């Protein structure tokens, strides 16, 4: 058995080396933050880079304000900016939002993730590939990780960014599994424009309540708990449709690729797309959309990205929040000392709550509130076209000129009825929870 051990520094356990598991946006960002600060960091991943990753590949442009070093580095990969957003509801209502500056950044994960890993390595991080972690245990002075091939890794602290099925979260009792109401099955393909193309590459196209099954409450008002999208890239197009997993199991009687073909056929008939789907470019995957875990860390272990549930429950955007959570996890470690170990996880949780926690919790409330009634989605979409003040605030958030707390306060001041309904949803969620992490979910193949 090959054994890797990081020797603790003489300054104490938390000032010593750090293991970061998972080299996606959360893990690579965490590794870079630590390496820039001069902390020895080892980045573990089961894959070699560059590697592909199923994902829509859209990021709100505020990522460039939060991580200013990206502005220069993105020139090395195929990047596409969009400033137009087309929104559509389940009954055909629609609106087109236009920003006077780029509001979203379109990337390919195979290139973007490789770029982030390269930045971490340039800062001094070490990358170990082929390391599929299958066991984890916490000891009084370190965390021990075992890989499938027999290698062992030890370090005083660990940042686990190992995805929606986080082995570390499961082995250490931080998350026994997501309930089916808290994950979405996203079915998408990323295909070159020479084969499948969007007819308006300047616009990001999104439809909410995109249904393939009957209303689930018998009233005809409940929207399908899903979304469809067309994300234009520079040389590719991403087309996909996603559903909350519990809804997919109950209401969609089609295999994932058949759902994808139905979506592409419908979009061709409407003149949104042209060309053909390519099945080898199609990948279904799960996204946590139930909000961050109540406990995204314990002891010497912090969870970042999908592993901690840091995904917007309404838009399903995860890359921005993954990078933020990875950066905050790294900074929590940097700010810790041997005497402050008991508060490491609490410090991280508070930092996440302050920067992105309220935003992500509200996104879940919004998701559940809007999908409960088609008319609510229609009002939001129609209002986005009419309420220019609110639209401006939302676009300011997307480009990063306003923070979420400021936008939330101003939007709710303009919409007291919505404020009241969100308060009710928060109360209802606490009193009548729809599901708890800990219930194992089956994958599609099961």
Protein backbone atom coordinates (compact mmCIF):
# COMPACT_ATOMS: atom_id res chain seq x y z
CA UNK A 1 0.00 0.00 0.00
CA UNK A 2 1.35 3.41 -1.00
CA UNK A 3 0.96 5.88 1.84
CA UNK A 4 0.95 9.65 1.52
CA UNK A 5 1.27 11.62 4.72
CA UNK A 6 1.44 15.35 5.14
CA UNK A 7 3.62 16.19 8.12
CA UNK A 8 2.10 18.75 10.47
CA UNK A 9 3.93 22.03 10.73
CA UNK A 10 5.46 23.09 14.01
CA UNK A 11 2.92 25.91 14.20
CA UNK A 12 0.04 23.51 14.87
CA UNK A 13 -2.42 21.32 13.02
CA UNK A 14 -4.54 23.92 11.26
CA UNK A 15 -1.57 25.93 10.03
CA UNK A 16 -0.20 22.83 8.35
CA UNK A 17 -0.94 21.22 4.97
CA UNK A 18 -4.47 20.82 3.67
CA UNK A 19 -6.08 18.14 1.52
CA UNK A 20 -8.69 19.31 -0.98
CA UNK A 21 -10.75 16.47 -2.47
CA UNK A 22 -12.31 17.17 -5.86
CA UNK A 23 -10.71 19.48 -8.43
CA UNK A 24 -13.86 21.08 -9.83
CA UNK A 25 -14.55 24.81 -9.39
CA UNK A 26 -14.97 24.54 -5.58
CA UNK A 27 -11.89 22.43 -4.96
CA UNK A 28 -9.60 24.20 -7.43
CA UNK A 29 -10.61 27.60 -6.05
CA UNK A 30 -9.99 26.45 -2.48
CA UNK A 31 -6.59 25.04 -3.46
CA UNK A 32 -5.58 28.27 -5.18
CA UNK A 33 -6.62 30.41 -2.21
CA UNK A 34 -4.58 28.25 0.15
CA UNK A 35 -1.55 28.07 -2.14
CA UNK A 36 -1.50 31.84 -2.70
CA UNK A 37 -1.36 32.21 1.11
CA UNK A 38 1.67 29.92 1.21
CA UNK A 39 -0.06 26.88 2.72
CA UNK A 40 0.99 23.48 1.35
CA UNK A 41 -2.08 22.00 -0.32
CA UNK A 42 -2.69 18.74 -2.16
CA UNK A 43 -5.59 18.61 -4.61
CA UNK A 44 -6.98 15.10 -5.12
CA UNK A 45 -9.20 13.99 -7.99
CA UNK A 46 -10.16 10.66 -9.46
CA UNK A 47 -9.80 12.03 -13.02
CA UNK A 48 -6.90 13.37 -15.05
CA UNK A 49 -7.24 16.88 -16.44
CA UNK A 50 -8.54 18.11 -18.77
CA UNK A 51 -11.68 16.07 -18.20
CA UNK A 52 -15.26 16.68 -19.22
CA UNK A 53 -17.99 17.41 -16.69
CA UNK A 54 -21.73 17.45 -17.45
CA UNK A 55 -23.01 20.95 -16.73
CA UNK A 56 -24.92 23.72 -18.44
CA UNK A 57 -21.82 25.88 -18.20
CA UNK A 58 -23.47 29.20 -17.40
CA UNK A 59 -22.15 31.59 -14.72
CA UNK A 60 -23.54 34.96 -13.70
CA UNK A 61 -21.05 37.64 -14.70
CA UNK A 62 -20.59 38.71 -11.06
CA UNK A 63 -18.01 35.92 -10.85
CA UNK A 64 -15.57 38.39 -12.45
CA UNK A 65 -16.05 40.87 -9.60
CA UNK A 66 -15.80 38.20 -6.92
CA UNK A 67 -12.72 36.63 -8.52
CA UNK A 68 -11.04 39.46 -10.47
CA UNK A 69 -8.04 37.33 -11.49
CA UNK A 70 -10.35 35.43 -13.87
CA UNK A 71 -10.81 38.42 -16.18
CA UNK A 72 -7.33 38.03 -17.67
CA UNK A 73 -7.16 34.23 -17.52
CA UNK A 74 -10.43 33.56 -19.35
CA UNK A 75 -8.86 34.74 -22.60
CA UNK A 76 -7.15 31.37 -22.89
CA UNK A 77 -10.41 29.39 -23.25
CA UNK A 78 -13.53 29.58 -25.42
CA UNK A 79 -15.68 32.11 -23.55
CA UNK A 80 -18.95 33.62 -24.67
CA UNK A 81 -20.77 36.53 -22.96
CA UNK A 82 -24.50 37.12 -23.24
CA UNK A 83 -26.55 40.12 -22.21
CA UNK A 84 -30.02 38.92 -23.29
CA UNK A 85 -32.18 36.49 -21.32
CA UNK A 86 -35.38 34.99 -22.72
CA UNK A 87 -37.76 33.68 -20.05
CA UNK A 88 -40.80 31.53 -20.75
CA UNK A 89 -43.52 30.12 -18.50
CA UNK A 90 -45.48 26.86 -18.66
CA UNK A 91 -48.42 28.44 -20.49
CA UNK A 92 -46.43 30.33 -23.09
CA UNK A 93 -46.00 33.67 -21.34
CA UNK A 94 -42.58 35.12 -22.09
CA UNK A 95 -40.35 38.13 -21.80
CA UNK A 96 -36.92 39.19 -23.06
CA UNK A 97 -34.58 40.89 -20.59
CA UNK A 98 -31.71 42.97 -21.92
CA UNK A 99 -28.71 44.20 -19.98
CA UNK A 100 -26.45 47.04 -21.04
CA UNK A 101 -23.46 44.88 -20.14
CA UNK A 102 -22.73 41.12 -20.18
CA UNK A 103 -24.90 39.44 -17.55
CA UNK A 104 -23.81 35.82 -17.99
CA UNK A 105 -20.64 34.01 -18.92
CA UNK A 106 -20.84 30.84 -21.00
CA UNK A 107 -17.99 28.33 -20.72
CA UNK A 108 -17.26 24.67 -21.37
CA UNK A 109 -16.46 22.81 -18.18
CA UNK A 110 -13.75 20.73 -19.84
CA UNK A 111 -11.84 23.97 -20.44
CA UNK A 112 -12.93 26.02 -17.42
CA UNK A 113 -12.12 23.36 -14.82
CA UNK A 114 -8.75 22.72 -16.42
CA UNK A 115 -8.06 26.46 -16.26
CA UNK A 116 -8.93 26.65 -12.54
CA UNK A 117 -6.74 23.64 -11.77
CA UNK A 118 -3.88 25.22 -13.73
CA UNK A 119 -4.23 28.41 -11.69
CA UNK A 120 -4.09 26.41 -8.45
CA UNK A 121 -0.96 24.59 -9.63
CA UNK A 122 0.67 27.85 -10.72
CA UNK A 123 0.08 29.17 -7.21
CA UNK A 124 1.90 26.18 -5.72
CA UNK A 125 -0.75 23.49 -5.14
CA UNK A 126 0.05 19.84 -5.85
CA UNK A 127 -2.34 17.74 -7.95
CA UNK A 128 -2.76 14.00 -7.47
CA UNK A 129 -5.01 12.33 -10.06
CA UNK A 130 -6.47 8.84 -10.12
CA UNK A 131 -7.29 9.19 -6.43
CA UNK A 132 -10.83 7.92 -5.92
CA UNK A 133 -11.55 8.31 -2.22
CA UNK A 134 -13.66 5.48 -0.80
CA UNK A 135 -13.12 5.78 2.96
CA UNK A 136 -12.65 8.66 5.38
CA UNK A 137 -12.25 8.93 9.12
CA UNK A 138 -11.55 11.76 11.50
CA UNK A 139 -8.92 11.30 14.20
CA UNK A 140 -8.14 13.71 17.05
CA UNK A 141 -5.30 15.41 15.18
CA UNK A 142 -5.91 14.60 11.50
CA UNK A 143 -8.23 13.30 8.81
CA UNK A 144 -7.38 10.04 7.06
CA UNK A 145 -8.58 9.28 3.53
CA UNK A 146 -8.23 5.95 1.72
CA UNK A 147 -8.29 5.68 -2.07
CA UNK A 148 -9.63 2.71 -4.01
CA UNK A 149 -6.13 1.82 -5.23
CA UNK A 150 -4.79 1.53 -1.66
CA UNK A 151 -3.14 4.90 -1.33
CA UNK A 152 -3.68 6.71 1.95
CA UNK A 153 -3.74 10.47 2.46
CA UNK A 154 -3.55 12.22 5.81
CA UNK A 155 -3.66 15.89 6.73
CA UNK A 156 -4.67 18.11 9.63
CA UNK A 157 -7.67 19.45 7.71
CA UNK A 158 -9.71 18.54 4.62
CA UNK A 159 -11.92 20.51 2.25
CA UNK A 160 -14.28 18.05 0.59
CA UNK A 161 -15.48 19.24 -2.81
CA UNK A 162 -16.21 15.77 -4.12
CA UNK A 163 -19.61 16.41 -5.64
CA UNK A 164 -23.27 15.66 -5.09
CA UNK A 165 -22.47 12.06 -4.05
CA UNK A 166 -19.71 13.15 -1.65
CA UNK A 167 -18.08 10.05 -0.18
CA UNK A 168 -16.46 12.10 2.55
CA UNK A 169 -19.77 13.67 3.62
CA UNK A 170 -21.34 10.23 3.77
CA UNK A 171 -18.49 8.43 5.54
CA UNK A 172 -18.22 11.14 8.21
CA UNK A 173 -21.96 11.39 8.79
CA UNK A 174 -22.43 14.89 7.37
CA UNK A 175 -24.92 13.78 4.73
CA UNK A 176 -26.35 10.28 4.46
CA UNK A 177 -27.93 11.12 1.10
CA UNK A 178 -30.20 13.72 -0.50
CA UNK A 179 -33.96 13.16 -0.50
CA UNK A 180 -35.49 13.01 -3.98
CA UNK A 181 -37.22 16.35 -3.36
CA UNK A 182 -33.83 18.04 -2.93
CA UNK A 183 -32.06 17.03 -6.15
CA UNK A 184 -32.78 17.70 -9.80
CA UNK A 185 -32.11 15.32 -12.66
CA UNK A 186 -30.54 17.46 -15.38
CA UNK A 187 -30.44 15.94 -18.87
CA UNK A 188 -28.29 17.83 -21.34
CA UNK A 189 -25.91 17.68 -24.22
CA UNK A 190 -23.06 19.91 -25.32
CA UNK A 191 -22.74 19.63 -29.08
CA UNK A 192 -20.63 21.57 -31.62
CA UNK A 193 -22.48 24.22 -33.61
CA UNK A 194 -21.61 22.43 -36.82
CA UNK A 195 -24.19 19.78 -35.85
CA UNK A 196 -26.67 21.45 -33.48
CA UNK A 197 -27.00 25.18 -33.20
CA UNK A 198 -29.09 27.84 -31.52
CA UNK A 199 -30.46 30.38 -33.99
CA UNK A 200 -29.84 33.33 -31.66
CA UNK A 201 -26.41 32.93 -30.00
CA UNK A 202 -26.76 36.31 -28.28
CA UNK A 203 -29.55 35.05 -26.02
CA UNK A 204 -29.72 32.66 -23.10
CA UNK A 205 -33.07 30.81 -23.38
CA UNK A 206 -34.78 29.44 -20.25
CA UNK A 207 -38.27 27.98 -19.75
CA UNK A 208 -39.71 27.25 -16.29
CA UNK A 209 -42.37 24.63 -15.64
CA UNK A 210 -41.43 22.83 -18.84
CA UNK A 211 -43.69 19.82 -18.47
CA UNK A 212 -43.65 16.26 -19.80
CA UNK A 213 -46.22 14.95 -17.33
CA UNK A 214 -49.60 15.87 -15.81
CA UNK A 215 -50.16 18.38 -13.02
CA UNK A 216 -49.42 16.62 -9.76
CA UNK A 217 -52.27 18.04 -7.65
CA UNK A 218 -55.19 17.42 -10.01
CA UNK A 219 -56.04 21.13 -10.32
CA UNK A 220 -54.19 21.79 -13.55
CA UNK A 221 -52.50 24.72 -11.86
CA UNK A 222 -49.40 23.09 -10.50
CA UNK A 223 -46.42 23.61 -12.78
CA UNK A 224 -44.10 20.82 -13.80
CA UNK A 225 -41.18 20.95 -11.37
CA UNK A 226 -38.60 21.53 -14.04
CA UNK A 227 -36.85 23.81 -16.47
CA UNK A 228 -35.43 23.72 -19.98
CA UNK A 229 -32.56 25.77 -21.35
CA UNK A 230 -30.43 26.63 -24.35
CA UNK A 231 -27.01 28.00 -23.42
CA UNK A 232 -25.04 29.42 -26.36
CA UNK A 233 -21.30 28.81 -26.26
CA UNK A 234 -18.68 30.15 -28.63
CA UNK A 235 -18.34 26.96 -30.66
CA UNK A 236 -20.92 24.70 -28.98
CA UNK A 237 -24.47 24.80 -27.70
CA UNK A 238 -25.77 23.30 -24.46
CA UNK A 239 -29.38 22.14 -24.56
CA UNK A 240 -31.01 20.52 -21.59
CA UNK A 241 -34.07 19.89 -19.47
CA UNK A 242 -34.19 19.14 -15.77
CA UNK A 243 -36.74 18.05 -13.19
CA UNK A 244 -36.83 17.71 -9.45
CA UNK A 245 -36.11 14.00 -9.12
CA UNK A 246 -39.28 13.20 -7.18
CA UNK A 247 -41.35 14.82 -9.94
CA UNK A 248 -39.47 12.97 -12.69
CA UNK A 249 -40.15 9.63 -11.03
CA UNK A 250 -43.82 10.39 -10.50
CA UNK A 251 -44.78 12.19 -13.67
CA UNK A 252 -42.35 11.58 -16.54
CA UNK A 253 -42.73 8.19 -18.18
CA UNK A 254 -39.78 8.50 -20.57
CA UNK A 255 -36.11 7.63 -20.49
CA UNK A 256 -33.76 10.63 -20.12
CA UNK A 257 -32.58 10.71 -23.74
CA UNK A 258 -36.14 10.41 -25.03
CA UNK A 259 -36.99 13.48 -22.95
CA UNK A 260 -34.03 15.27 -24.54
CA UNK A 261 -35.11 14.33 -28.06
CA UNK A 262 -38.62 15.60 -27.36
CA UNK A 263 -37.24 18.94 -26.18
CA UNK A 264 -34.99 19.35 -29.23
CA UNK A 265 -37.82 18.44 -31.60
CA UNK A 266 -40.07 21.05 -29.97
CA UNK A 267 -37.38 23.74 -30.13
CA UNK A 268 -36.67 22.96 -33.79
CA UNK A 269 -40.35 23.39 -34.63
CA UNK A 270 -40.34 26.75 -32.89
CA UNK A 271 -37.21 27.98 -34.66
CA UNK A 272 -35.05 28.11 -31.53
CA UNK A 273 -32.71 25.34 -32.69
CA UNK A 274 -31.56 23.77 -35.93
CA UNK A 275 -29.69 20.55 -36.55
CA UNK A 276 -29.56 17.20 -34.80
CA UNK A 277 -28.99 15.86 -31.33
CA UNK A 278 -25.89 13.73 -30.76
CA UNK A 279 -26.48 11.02 -28.18
CA UNK A 280 -22.80 10.53 -27.34
CA UNK A 281 -22.74 14.17 -26.13
CA UNK A 282 -25.74 13.58 -23.85
CA UNK A 283 -25.29 13.09 -20.10
CA UNK A 284 -27.90 12.98 -17.31
CA UNK A 285 -26.62 14.08 -13.89
CA UNK A 286 -27.92 15.10 -10.48
CA UNK A 287 -27.79 18.59 -8.94
CA UNK A 288 -28.62 19.37 -5.29
CA UNK A 289 -31.38 22.00 -5.31
CA UNK A 290 -32.67 21.79 -1.73
CA UNK A 291 -30.33 24.41 -0.31
CA UNK A 292 -27.05 24.10 1.62
CA UNK A 293 -26.69 21.49 4.31
CA UNK A 294 -27.43 22.74 7.81
CA UNK A 295 -23.99 21.49 8.80
CA UNK A 296 -21.56 22.00 5.88
CA UNK A 297 -18.62 21.11 8.06
CA UNK A 298 -17.60 19.35 11.24
CA UNK A 299 -14.35 19.29 13.12
CA UNK A 300 -11.48 19.36 10.63
CA UNK A 301 -13.65 18.76 7.53
CA UNK A 302 -15.50 21.39 5.46
CA UNK A 303 -17.83 20.65 2.53
CA UNK A 304 -17.81 22.94 -0.52
CA UNK A 305 -19.65 23.08 -3.84
CA UNK A 306 -22.24 20.40 -4.61
CA UNK A 307 -21.00 18.35 -1.66
CA UNK A 308 -22.41 21.03 0.65
CA UNK A 309 -25.50 21.76 -1.46
CA UNK A 310 -24.29 25.19 -2.60
CA UNK A 311 -26.52 25.47 -5.68
CA UNK A 312 -29.30 27.94 -6.50
CA UNK A 313 -32.53 25.99 -6.08
CA UNK A 314 -34.43 28.01 -8.69
CA UNK A 315 -31.89 28.69 -11.44
CA UNK A 316 -29.79 25.53 -10.75
CA UNK A 317 -26.63 27.66 -11.12
CA UNK A 318 -23.82 26.04 -9.20
CA UNK A 319 -20.44 27.18 -10.52
CA UNK A 320 -20.44 30.63 -8.90
CA UNK A 321 -21.56 29.30 -5.52
CA UNK A 322 -19.07 26.43 -5.74
CA UNK A 323 -16.20 28.87 -6.22
CA UNK A 324 -17.42 31.12 -3.41
CA UNK A 325 -17.84 28.21 -0.98
CA UNK A 326 -14.40 26.85 -1.92
CA UNK A 327 -12.81 30.23 -1.31
CA UNK A 328 -14.65 30.66 2.02
CA UNK A 329 -13.62 27.18 3.15
CA UNK A 330 -9.98 27.94 2.40
CA UNK A 331 -10.17 31.25 4.24
CA UNK A 332 -11.79 29.60 7.24
CA UNK A 333 -8.80 27.24 7.43
CA UNK A 334 -6.35 30.13 6.99
CA UNK A 335 -8.01 32.07 9.81
CA UNK A 336 -7.90 29.13 12.21
CA UNK A 337 -5.36 28.12 14.78
CA UNK A 338 -4.94 25.00 16.93
CA UNK A 339 -6.92 26.64 19.72
CA UNK A 340 -9.81 27.53 17.41
CA UNK A 341 -10.41 24.03 15.96
CA UNK A 342 -13.82 23.66 17.68
CA UNK A 343 -15.02 26.80 15.88
CA UNK A 344 -13.62 26.04 12.39
CA UNK A 345 -16.87 24.61 11.02
CA UNK A 346 -18.90 27.32 12.75
CA UNK A 347 -16.69 30.03 11.23
CA UNK A 348 -17.15 28.52 7.77
CA UNK A 349 -20.90 28.16 8.21
CA UNK A 350 -21.23 31.80 9.26
CA UNK A 351 -19.13 33.02 6.33
CA UNK A 352 -21.29 31.03 3.88
CA UNK A 353 -24.46 32.27 5.54
CA UNK A 354 -23.37 35.88 5.27
CA UNK A 355 -22.31 35.81 1.62
CA UNK A 356 -24.54 33.25 -0.08
CA UNK A 357 -26.68 31.48 2.53
CA UNK A 358 -29.72 33.76 2.47
CA UNK A 359 -29.65 33.84 -1.32
CA UNK A 360 -29.61 30.06 -1.62
CA UNK A 361 -32.31 29.51 1.00
CA UNK A 362 -34.55 32.08 -0.69
CA UNK A 363 -33.99 30.34 -4.02
CA UNK A 364 -35.43 27.12 -2.58
CA UNK A 365 -38.46 28.95 -1.17
CA UNK A 366 -38.97 30.64 -4.53
CA UNK A 367 -38.70 27.31 -6.37
CA UNK A 368 -41.36 25.66 -4.19
CA UNK A 369 -43.64 28.67 -4.18
CA UNK A 370 -43.60 29.23 -7.94
CA UNK A 371 -43.85 25.60 -9.03
CA UNK A 372 -46.93 25.20 -6.85
CA UNK A 373 -49.00 27.28 -9.29
CA UNK A 374 -48.46 28.04 -13.00
CA UNK A 375 -50.04 31.45 -12.51
CA UNK A 376 -47.30 32.49 -10.12
CA UNK A 377 -44.61 31.78 -12.70
CA UNK A 378 -46.63 33.71 -15.27
CA UNK A 379 -46.88 36.74 -12.97
CA UNK A 380 -43.15 36.73 -12.30
CA UNK A 381 -42.28 36.46 -16.01
CA UNK A 382 -44.78 39.09 -17.09
CA UNK A 383 -43.68 41.32 -14.23
CA UNK A 384 -40.06 40.99 -15.31
CA UNK A 385 -41.01 42.68 -18.57
CA UNK A 386 -43.17 45.39 -16.97
CA UNK A 387 -41.43 46.15 -13.68
CA UNK A 388 -38.32 47.78 -15.05
CA UNK A 389 -37.12 48.78 -11.59
CA UNK A 390 -37.13 45.21 -10.30
CA UNK A 391 -35.63 43.91 -13.54
CA UNK A 392 -32.80 46.41 -13.23
CA UNK A 393 -32.10 45.24 -9.70
CA UNK A 394 -31.96 41.59 -10.73
CA UNK A 395 -29.62 42.39 -13.62
CA UNK A 396 -27.43 44.44 -11.25
CA UNK A 397 -27.13 41.32 -9.10
CA UNK A 398 -26.21 39.18 -12.12
CA UNK A 399 -23.41 41.49 -13.22
CA UNK A 400 -22.20 42.06 -9.66
CA UNK A 401 -22.86 45.77 -9.19
CA UNK A 402 -25.23 45.07 -6.28
CA UNK A 403 -25.09 42.45 -3.56
CA UNK A 404 -27.90 40.01 -2.91
CA UNK A 405 -28.94 41.51 0.43
CA UNK A 406 -29.37 44.94 -1.10
CA UNK A 407 -31.32 43.57 -4.09
CA UNK A 408 -33.52 41.42 -1.85
CA UNK A 409 -34.40 44.34 0.40
CA UNK A 410 -35.27 46.60 -2.53
CA UNK A 411 -37.30 43.96 -4.40
CA UNK A 412 -39.34 42.99 -1.34
CA UNK A 413 -39.98 46.66 -0.55
CA UNK A 414 -41.53 46.98 -4.01
CA UNK A 415 -43.44 43.68 -3.67
CA UNK A 416 -44.87 43.35 -0.14
CA UNK A 417 -47.19 40.55 -1.22
CA UNK A 418 -44.25 38.47 -2.43
CA UNK A 419 -42.43 39.23 0.83
CA UNK A 420 -45.37 37.91 2.82
CA UNK A 421 -45.58 34.76 0.74
CA UNK A 422 -41.87 34.02 1.12
CA UNK A 423 -42.17 34.47 4.88
CA UNK A 424 -45.06 31.99 4.84
CA UNK A 425 -43.04 29.52 2.77
CA UNK A 426 -40.18 29.78 5.27
CA UNK A 427 -42.55 29.09 8.18
CA UNK A 428 -44.23 26.23 6.33
CA UNK A 429 -40.88 24.66 5.51
CA UNK A 430 -39.91 24.68 9.18
CA UNK A 431 -43.23 23.34 10.41
CA UNK A 432 -43.92 20.88 7.57
CA UNK A 433 -40.53 19.86 6.11
CA UNK A 434 -40.83 18.07 2.78
CA UNK A 435 -37.80 15.87 3.30
CA UNK A 436 -34.53 15.66 5.14
CA UNK A 437 -31.04 14.80 4.06
CA UNK A 438 -30.45 11.24 5.12
CA UNK A 439 -32.92 9.43 2.87
CA UNK A 440 -30.98 7.57 0.22
CA UNK A 441 -31.97 8.28 -3.37
CA UNK A 442 -31.68 5.88 -6.24
CA UNK A 443 -29.79 6.90 -9.35
CA UNK A 444 -31.55 6.71 -12.71
CA UNK A 445 -29.76 3.49 -13.58
CA UNK A 446 -31.15 1.79 -10.46
